[in-house]
Amino acid sequence: MGISEEWQAVKYREVFDEETRGLSRRRSSDPNCKVEDLEGILKNLYIMDGADWLGRGGVQDIIMAATIAAYELFISNWKAELDL
């Protein structure tokens, strides 16, 4: 990975980790937070991602991709716990 792509990977990981920590905090501190709530937010993130007709730019695309990935993984892991 060259220098020009390295900052993108760093930014992606930074946003992904920050979103994951935020979701963990919300789950542990908000007894009303449910998987369905996060799925609703994820649905809206998908809509926002698809509504990029003006172009967000590279940084915002990275932020959106990392945020969506964090929600997808967090929801998937939570659902796996519930199936135990």
PDB file of N, CA and C in Angstrom:
ATOM      1  N   MET A   1       0.853  -1.181   0.000  1.00  0.00           N
ATOM      2  CA  MET A   1       0.000   0.000   0.000  1.00  0.00           C
ATOM      3  C   MET A   1       0.888   1.229   0.000  1.00  0.00           C
ATOM      4  N   GLY A   2       0.654   2.098  -0.941  1.00  0.00           N
ATOM      5  CA  GLY A   2       1.463   3.303  -1.043  1.00  0.00           C
ATOM      6  C   GLY A   2       0.995   4.370  -0.069  1.00  0.00           C
ATOM      7  N   ILE A   3       1.794   5.409   0.025  1.00  0.00           N
ATOM      8  CA  ILE A   3       1.474   6.519   0.935  1.00  0.00           C
ATOM      9  C   ILE A   3       0.117   7.112   0.614  1.00  0.00           C
ATOM     10  N   SER A   4      -0.226   7.198  -0.663  1.00  0.00           N
ATOM     11  CA  SER A   4      -1.490   7.836  -1.031  1.00  0.00           C
ATOM     12  C   SER A   4      -2.697   7.041  -0.547  1.00  0.00           C
ATOM     13  N   GLU A   5      -2.550   5.728  -0.397  1.00  0.00           N
ATOM     14  CA  GLU A   5      -3.653   4.916   0.115  1.00  0.00           C
ATOM     15  C   GLU A   5      -3.570   4.701   1.620  1.00  0.00           C
ATOM     16  N   GLU A   6      -2.421   4.889   2.202  1.00  0.00           N
ATOM     17  CA  GLU A   6      -2.241   4.609   3.622  1.00  0.00           C
ATOM     18  C   GLU A   6      -3.135   5.481   4.492  1.00  0.00           C
ATOM     19  N   TRP A   7      -3.249   6.766   4.182  1.00  0.00           N
ATOM     20  CA  TRP A   7      -4.089   7.641   4.999  1.00  0.00           C
ATOM     21  C   TRP A   7      -5.545   7.210   4.940  1.00  0.00           C
ATOM     22  N   GLN A   8      -5.945   6.620   3.789  1.00  0.00           N
ATOM     23  CA  GLN A   8      -7.322   6.158   3.657  1.00  0.00           C
ATOM     24  C   GLN A   8      -7.596   4.982   4.585  1.00  0.00           C
ATOM     25  N   ALA A   9      -6.671   4.053   4.657  1.00  0.00           N
ATOM     26  CA  ALA A   9      -6.826   2.901   5.547  1.00  0.00           C
ATOM     27  C   ALA A   9      -6.827   3.339   7.003  1.00  0.00           C
ATOM     28  N   VAL A  10      -5.972   4.292   7.338  1.00  0.00           N
ATOM     29  CA  VAL A  10      -5.911   4.816   8.708  1.00  0.00           C
ATOM     30  C   VAL A  10      -7.231   5.493   9.061  1.00  0.00           C
ATOM     31  N   LYS A  11      -7.755   6.309   8.173  1.00  0.00           N
ATOM     32  CA  LYS A  11      -9.015   7.007   8.417  1.00  0.00           C
ATOM     33  C   LYS A  11     -10.163   6.017   8.557  1.00  0.00           C
ATOM     34  N   TYR A  12     -10.210   5.027   7.693  1.00  0.00           N
ATOM     35  CA  TYR A  12     -11.252   4.009   7.750  1.00  0.00           C
ATOM     36  C   TYR A  12     -11.235   3.314   9.113  1.00  0.00           C
ATOM     37  N   ARG A  13     -10.069   2.878   9.532  1.00  0.00           N
ATOM     38  CA  ARG A  13      -9.944   2.154  10.804  1.00  0.00           C
ATOM     39  C   ARG A  13     -10.329   3.051  11.978  1.00  0.00           C
ATOM     40  N   GLU A  14      -9.901   4.303  11.919  1.00  0.00           N
ATOM     41  CA  GLU A  14     -10.218   5.272  12.975  1.00  0.00           C
ATOM     42  C   GLU A  14     -11.737   5.431  13.124  1.00  0.00           C
ATOM     43  N   VAL A  15     -12.426   5.624  12.025  1.00  0.00           N
ATOM     44  CA  VAL A  15     -13.885   5.806  12.057  1.00  0.00           C
ATOM     45  C   VAL A  15     -14.572   4.514  12.487  1.00  0.00           C
ATOM     46  N   PHE A  16     -14.139   3.385  11.933  1.00  0.00           N
ATOM     47  CA  PHE A  16     -14.713   2.090  12.284  1.00  0.00           C
ATOM     48  C   PHE A  16     -14.609   1.839  13.785  1.00  0.00           C
ATOM     49  N   ASP A  17     -13.417   2.043  14.332  1.00  0.00           N
ATOM     50  CA  ASP A  17     -13.204   1.808  15.763  1.00  0.00           C
ATOM     51  C   ASP A  17     -14.025   2.763  16.622  1.00  0.00           C
ATOM     52  N   GLU A  18     -14.098   4.025  16.220  1.00  0.00           N
ATOM     53  CA  GLU A  18     -14.868   5.021  16.968  1.00  0.00           C
ATOM     54  C   GLU A  18     -16.356   4.673  16.970  1.00  0.00           C
ATOM     55  N   GLU A  19     -16.880   4.282  15.820  1.00  0.00           N
ATOM     56  CA  GLU A  19     -18.296   3.895  15.733  1.00  0.00           C
ATOM     57  C   GLU A  19     -18.574   2.655  16.583  1.00  0.00           C
ATOM     58  N   THR A  20     -17.681   1.679  16.518  1.00  0.00           N
ATOM     59  CA  THR A  20     -17.857   0.448  17.288  1.00  0.00           C
ATOM     60  C   THR A  20     -17.858   0.736  18.789  1.00  0.00           C
ATOM     61  N   ARG A  21     -16.933   1.588  19.240  1.00  0.00           N
ATOM     62  CA  ARG A  21     -16.913   1.960  20.662  1.00  0.00           C
ATOM     63  C   ARG A  21     -18.199   2.680  21.050  1.00  0.00           C
ATOM     64  N   GLY A  22     -18.666   3.570  20.200  1.00  0.00           N
ATOM     65  CA  GLY A  22     -19.904   4.293  20.477  1.00  0.00           C
ATOM     66  C   GLY A  22     -21.105   3.361  20.556  1.00  0.00           C
ATOM     67  N   LEU A  23     -21.171   2.399  19.663  1.00  0.00           N
ATOM     68  CA  LEU A  23     -22.268   1.436  19.688  1.00  0.00           C
ATOM     69  C   LEU A  23     -22.214   0.572  20.947  1.00  0.00           C
ATOM     70  N   SER A  24     -21.017   0.174  21.340  1.00  0.00           N
ATOM     71  CA  SER A  24     -20.859  -0.612  22.571  1.00  0.00           C
ATOM     72  C   SER A  24     -21.301   0.177  23.794  1.00  0.00           C
ATOM     73  N   ARG A  25     -20.892   1.453  23.846  1.00  0.00           N
ATOM     74  CA  ARG A  25     -21.305   2.302  24.965  1.00  0.00           C
ATOM     75  C   ARG A  25     -22.815   2.463  24.998  1.00  0.00           C
ATOM     76  N   ARG A  26     -23.399   2.690  23.832  1.00  0.00           N
ATOM     77  CA  ARG A  26     -24.854   2.868  23.782  1.00  0.00           C
ATOM     78  C   ARG A  26     -25.564   1.611  24.249  1.00  0.00           C
ATOM     79  N   ARG A  27     -25.114   0.469  23.774  1.00  0.00           N
ATOM     80  CA  ARG A  27     -25.760  -0.790  24.157  1.00  0.00           C
ATOM     81  C   ARG A  27     -25.675  -1.020  25.660  1.00  0.00           C
ATOM     82  N   SER A  28     -24.527  -0.729  26.238  1.00  0.00           N
ATOM     83  CA  SER A  28     -24.354  -1.004  27.675  1.00  0.00           C
ATOM     84  C   SER A  28     -25.022   0.043  28.564  1.00  0.00           C
ATOM     85  N   SER A  29     -25.195   1.256  28.067  1.00  0.00           N
ATOM     86  CA  SER A  29     -25.742   2.307  28.938  1.00  0.00           C
ATOM     87  C   SER A  29     -27.218   2.603  28.694  1.00  0.00           C
ATOM     88  N   ASP A  30     -27.772   2.157  27.579  1.00  0.00           N
ATOM     89  CA  ASP A  30     -29.172   2.442  27.255  1.00  0.00           C
ATOM     90  C   ASP A  30     -29.972   1.145  27.238  1.00  0.00           C
ATOM     91  N   PRO A  31     -30.726   0.881  28.302  1.00  0.00           N
ATOM     92  CA  PRO A  31     -31.480  -0.374  28.361  1.00  0.00           C
ATOM     93  C   PRO A  31     -32.575  -0.460  27.294  1.00  0.00           C
ATOM     94  N   ASN A  32     -32.938   0.653  26.695  1.00  0.00           N
ATOM     95  CA  ASN A  32     -33.973   0.659  25.658  1.00  0.00           C
ATOM     96  C   ASN A  32     -33.415   0.429  24.261  1.00  0.00           C
ATOM     97  N   CYS A  33     -32.101   0.384  24.142  1.00  0.00           N
ATOM     98  CA  CYS A  33     -31.469   0.176  22.833  1.00  0.00           C
ATOM     99  C   CYS A  33     -31.633  -1.284  22.435  1.00  0.00           C
ATOM    100  N   LYS A  34     -32.182  -1.484  21.245  1.00  0.00           N
ATOM    101  CA  LYS A  34     -32.416  -2.830  20.729  1.00  0.00           C
ATOM    102  C   LYS A  34     -31.765  -2.976  19.356  1.00  0.00           C
ATOM    103  N   VAL A  35     -31.578  -4.213  18.953  1.00  0.00           N
ATOM    104  CA  VAL A  35     -31.020  -4.498  17.630  1.00  0.00           C
ATOM    105  C   VAL A  35     -31.840  -3.788  16.557  1.00  0.00           C
ATOM    106  N   GLU A  36     -33.145  -3.806  16.725  1.00  0.00           N
ATOM    107  CA  GLU A  36     -34.029  -3.190  15.723  1.00  0.00           C
ATOM    108  C   GLU A  36     -33.754  -1.693  15.575  1.00  0.00           C
ATOM    109  N   ASP A  37     -33.402  -1.032  16.682  1.00  0.00           N
ATOM    110  CA  ASP A  37     -33.065   0.395  16.621  1.00  0.00           C
ATOM    111  C   ASP A  37     -31.838   0.623  15.738  1.00  0.00           C
ATOM    112  N   LEU A  38     -30.833  -0.206  15.954  1.00  0.00           N
ATOM    113  CA  LEU A  38     -29.606  -0.060  15.170  1.00  0.00           C
ATOM    114  C   LEU A  38     -29.826  -0.448  13.712  1.00  0.00           C
ATOM    115  N   GLU A  39     -30.707  -1.424  13.480  1.00  0.00           N
ATOM    116  CA  GLU A  39     -31.031  -1.785  12.100  1.00  0.00           C
ATOM    117  C   GLU A  39     -31.734  -0.632  11.391  1.00  0.00           C
ATOM    118  N   GLY A  40     -32.555   0.112  12.109  1.00  0.00           N
ATOM    119  CA  GLY A  40     -33.203   1.282  11.522  1.00  0.00           C
ATOM    120  C   GLY A  40     -32.193   2.348  11.141  1.00  0.00           C
ATOM    121  N   ILE A  41     -31.218   2.569  12.008  1.00  0.00           N
ATOM    122  CA  ILE A  41     -30.156   3.537  11.695  1.00  0.00           C
ATOM    123  C   ILE A  41     -29.362   3.062  10.487  1.00  0.00           C
ATOM    124  N   LEU A  42     -29.040   1.766  10.461  1.00  0.00           N
ATOM    125  CA  LEU A  42     -28.293   1.210   9.333  1.00  0.00           C
ATOM    126  C   LEU A  42     -29.071   1.382   8.029  1.00  0.00           C
ATOM    127  N   LYS A  43     -30.368   1.149   8.068  1.00  0.00           N
ATOM    128  CA  LYS A  43     -31.194   1.347   6.875  1.00  0.00           C
ATOM    129  C   LYS A  43     -31.065   2.786   6.367  1.00  0.00           C
ATOM    130  N   ASN A  44     -31.105   3.739   7.291  1.00  0.00           N
ATOM    131  CA  ASN A  44     -30.949   5.143   6.902  1.00  0.00           C
ATOM    132  C   ASN A  44     -29.550   5.437   6.371  1.00  0.00           C
ATOM    133  N   LEU A  45     -28.551   4.786   6.924  1.00  0.00           N
ATOM    134  CA  LEU A  45     -27.188   4.950   6.404  1.00  0.00           C
ATOM    135  C   LEU A  45     -27.097   4.451   4.962  1.00  0.00           C
ATOM    136  N   TYR A  46     -27.764   3.327   4.682  1.00  0.00           N
ATOM    137  CA  TYR A  46     -27.785   2.814   3.302  1.00  0.00           C
ATOM    138  C   TYR A  46     -28.435   3.839   2.367  1.00  0.00           C
ATOM    139  N   ILE A  47     -29.521   4.434   2.830  1.00  0.00           N
ATOM    140  CA  ILE A  47     -30.217   5.436   2.011  1.00  0.00           C
ATOM    141  C   ILE A  47     -29.305   6.633   1.769  1.00  0.00           C
ATOM    142  N   MET A  48     -28.659   7.115   2.831  1.00  0.00           N
ATOM    143  CA  MET A  48     -27.748   8.255   2.695  1.00  0.00           C
ATOM    144  C   MET A  48     -26.596   7.919   1.748  1.00  0.00           C
ATOM    145  N   ASP A  49     -26.093   6.694   1.839  1.00  0.00           N
ATOM    146  CA  ASP A  49     -24.993   6.286   0.979  1.00  0.00           C
ATOM    147  C   ASP A  49     -25.422   6.288  -0.484  1.00  0.00           C
ATOM    148  N   GLY A  50     -26.639   5.850  -0.745  1.00  0.00           N
ATOM    149  CA  GLY A  50     -27.142   5.806  -2.109  1.00  0.00           C
ATOM    150  C   GLY A  50     -27.562   7.156  -2.654  1.00  0.00           C
ATOM    151  N   ALA A  51     -27.709   8.136  -1.769  1.00  0.00           N
ATOM    152  CA  ALA A  51     -28.156   9.461  -2.186  1.00  0.00           C
ATOM    153  C   ALA A  51     -26.976  10.389  -2.475  1.00  0.00           C
ATOM    154  N   ASP A  52     -25.906   9.837  -2.938  1.00  0.00           N
ATOM    155  CA  ASP A  52     -24.677  10.601  -3.172  1.00  0.00           C
ATOM    156  C   ASP A  52     -24.607  11.130  -4.595  1.00  0.00           C
ATOM    157  N   TRP A  53     -25.674  11.712  -5.077  1.00  0.00           N
ATOM    158  CA  TRP A  53     -25.703  12.159  -6.470  1.00  0.00           C
ATOM    159  C   TRP A  53     -24.861  13.403  -6.716  1.00  0.00           C
ATOM    160  N   LEU A  54     -24.549  14.158  -5.687  1.00  0.00           N
ATOM    161  CA  LEU A  54     -23.678  15.329  -5.867  1.00  0.00           C
ATOM    162  C   LEU A  54     -22.209  15.004  -5.604  1.00  0.00           C
ATOM    163  N   GLY A  55     -21.977  13.870  -4.979  1.00  0.00           N
ATOM    164  CA  GLY A  55     -20.610  13.471  -4.650  1.00  0.00           C
ATOM    165  C   GLY A  55     -20.156  14.041  -3.324  1.00  0.00           C
ATOM    166  N   ARG A  56     -19.811  13.167  -2.419  1.00  0.00           N
ATOM    167  CA  ARG A  56     -19.359  13.568  -1.089  1.00  0.00           C
ATOM    168  C   ARG A  56     -17.880  13.900  -1.075  1.00  0.00           C
ATOM    169  N   GLY A  57     -17.154  13.207  -1.885  1.00  0.00           N
ATOM    170  CA  GLY A  57     -15.704  13.317  -1.840  1.00  0.00           C
ATOM    171  C   GLY A  57     -15.105  12.099  -1.168  1.00  0.00           C
ATOM    172  N   GLY A  58     -13.825  11.928  -1.369  1.00  0.00           N
ATOM    173  CA  GLY A  58     -13.139  10.738  -0.883  1.00  0.00           C
ATOM    174  C   GLY A  58     -13.199  10.519   0.608  1.00  0.00           C
ATOM    175  N   VAL A  59     -12.987  11.558   1.384  1.00  0.00           N
ATOM    176  CA  VAL A  59     -12.968  11.415   2.846  1.00  0.00           C
ATOM    177  C   VAL A  59     -14.346  11.012   3.350  1.00  0.00           C
ATOM    178  N   GLN A  60     -15.385  11.676   2.868  1.00  0.00           N
ATOM    179  CA  GLN A  60     -16.737  11.350   3.318  1.00  0.00           C
ATOM    180  C   GLN A  60     -17.159   9.956   2.862  1.00  0.00           C
ATOM    181  N   ASP A  61     -16.685   9.523   1.700  1.00  0.00           N
ATOM    182  CA  ASP A  61     -16.967   8.154   1.255  1.00  0.00           C
ATOM    183  C   ASP A  61     -16.335   7.134   2.202  1.00  0.00           C
ATOM    184  N   ILE A  62     -15.123   7.414   2.640  1.00  0.00           N
ATOM    185  CA  ILE A  62     -14.451   6.529   3.591  1.00  0.00           C
ATOM    186  C   ILE A  62     -15.207   6.501   4.907  1.00  0.00           C
ATOM    187  N   ILE A  63     -15.614   7.659   5.387  1.00  0.00           N
ATOM    188  CA  ILE A  63     -16.356   7.745   6.652  1.00  0.00           C
ATOM    189  C   ILE A  63     -17.662   6.968   6.553  1.00  0.00           C
ATOM    190  N   MET A  64     -18.384   7.142   5.456  1.00  0.00           N
ATOM    191  CA  MET A  64     -19.650   6.439   5.281  1.00  0.00           C
ATOM    192  C   MET A  64     -19.438   4.931   5.225  1.00  0.00           C
ATOM    193  N   ALA A  65     -18.445   4.483   4.469  1.00  0.00           N
ATOM    194  CA  ALA A  65     -18.172   3.048   4.340  1.00  0.00           C
ATOM    195  C   ALA A  65     -17.789   2.441   5.690  1.00  0.00           C
ATOM    196  N   ALA A  66     -16.960   3.124   6.449  1.00  0.00           N
ATOM    197  CA  ALA A  66     -16.527   2.612   7.750  1.00  0.00           C
ATOM    198  C   ALA A  66     -17.676   2.597   8.746  1.00  0.00           C
ATOM    199  N   THR A  67     -18.519   3.612   8.706  1.00  0.00           N
ATOM    200  CA  THR A  67     -19.674   3.672   9.603  1.00  0.00           C
ATOM    201  C   THR A  67     -20.635   2.530   9.307  1.00  0.00           C
ATOM    202  N   ILE A  68     -20.942   2.321   8.040  1.00  0.00           N
ATOM    203  CA  ILE A  68     -21.838   1.229   7.657  1.00  0.00           C
ATOM    204  C   ILE A  68     -21.247  -0.118   8.066  1.00  0.00           C
ATOM    205  N   ALA A  69     -19.966  -0.315   7.825  1.00  0.00           N
ATOM    206  CA  ALA A  69     -19.317  -1.584   8.183  1.00  0.00           C
ATOM    207  C   ALA A  69     -19.363  -1.821   9.692  1.00  0.00           C
ATOM    208  N   ALA A  70     -19.167  -0.768  10.472  1.00  0.00           N
ATOM    209  CA  ALA A  70     -19.212  -0.910  11.930  1.00  0.00           C
ATOM    210  C   ALA A  70     -20.608  -1.319  12.387  1.00  0.00           C
ATOM    211  N   TYR A  71     -21.627  -0.670  11.846  1.00  0.00           N
ATOM    212  CA  TYR A  71     -23.008  -1.037  12.195  1.00  0.00           C
ATOM    213  C   TYR A  71     -23.315  -2.468  11.776  1.00  0.00           C
ATOM    214  N   GLU A  72     -22.927  -2.848  10.567  1.00  0.00           N
ATOM    215  CA  GLU A  72     -23.199  -4.200  10.088  1.00  0.00           C
ATOM    216  C   GLU A  72     -22.558  -5.250  10.996  1.00  0.00           C
ATOM    217  N   LEU A  73     -21.295  -5.047  11.341  1.00  0.00           N
ATOM    218  CA  LEU A  73     -20.599  -6.012  12.185  1.00  0.00           C
ATOM    219  C   LEU A  73     -21.175  -6.042  13.589  1.00  0.00           C
ATOM    220  N   PHE A  74     -21.444  -4.864  14.155  1.00  0.00           N
ATOM    221  CA  PHE A  74     -21.980  -4.801  15.516  1.00  0.00           C
ATOM    222  C   PHE A  74     -23.334  -5.502  15.591  1.00  0.00           C
ATOM    223  N   ILE A  75     -24.200  -5.235  14.627  1.00  0.00           N
ATOM    224  CA  ILE A  75     -25.525  -5.866  14.610  1.00  0.00           C
ATOM    225  C   ILE A  75     -25.389  -7.373  14.430  1.00  0.00           C
ATOM    226  N   SER A  76     -24.528  -7.794  13.523  1.00  0.00           N
ATOM    227  CA  SER A  76     -24.318  -9.221  13.285  1.00  0.00           C
ATOM    228  C   SER A  76     -23.828  -9.929  14.554  1.00  0.00           C
ATOM    229  N   ASN A  77     -22.870  -9.331  15.236  1.00  0.00           N
ATOM    230  CA  ASN A  77     -22.345  -9.922  16.466  1.00  0.00           C
ATOM    231  C   ASN A  77     -23.406  -9.972  17.560  1.00  0.00           C
ATOM    232  N   TRP A  78     -24.204  -8.915  17.682  1.00  0.00           N
ATOM    233  CA  TRP A  78     -25.257  -8.870  18.687  1.00  0.00           C
ATOM    234  C   TRP A  78     -26.299  -9.961  18.408  1.00  0.00           C
ATOM    235  N   LYS A  79     -26.689 -10.097  17.148  1.00  0.00           N
ATOM    236  CA  LYS A  79     -27.652 -11.143  16.792  1.00  0.00           C
ATOM    237  C   LYS A  79     -27.090 -12.536  17.071  1.00  0.00           C
ATOM    238  N   ALA A  80     -25.796 -12.730  16.830  1.00  0.00           N
ATOM    239  CA  ALA A  80     -25.162 -14.024  17.113  1.00  0.00           C
ATOM    240  C   ALA A  80     -25.212 -14.320  18.612  1.00  0.00           C
ATOM    241  N   GLU A  81     -25.025 -13.301  19.444  1.00  0.00           N
ATOM    242  CA  GLU A  81     -25.138 -13.476  20.894  1.00  0.00           C
ATOM    243  C   GLU A  81     -26.541 -13.904  21.295  1.00  0.00           C
ATOM    244  N   LEU A  82     -27.523 -13.310  20.670  1.00  0.00           N
ATOM    245  CA  LEU A  82     -28.918 -13.596  21.006  1.00  0.00           C
ATOM    246  C   LEU A  82     -29.305 -15.022  20.630  1.00  0.00           C
ATOM    247  N   ASP A  83     -28.630 -15.583  19.647  1.00  0.00           N
ATOM    248  CA  ASP A  83     -28.912 -16.951  19.204  1.00  0.00           C
ATOM    249  C   ASP A  83     -28.284 -18.006  20.103  1.00  0.00           C
ATOM    250  N   LEU A  84     -27.440 -17.581  21.031  1.00  0.00           N
ATOM    251  CA  LEU A  84     -26.757 -18.556  21.905  1.00  0.00           C
ATOM    252  C   LEU A  84     -27.709 -19.331  22.753  1.00  0.00           C
TER     253      LEU A  84
END
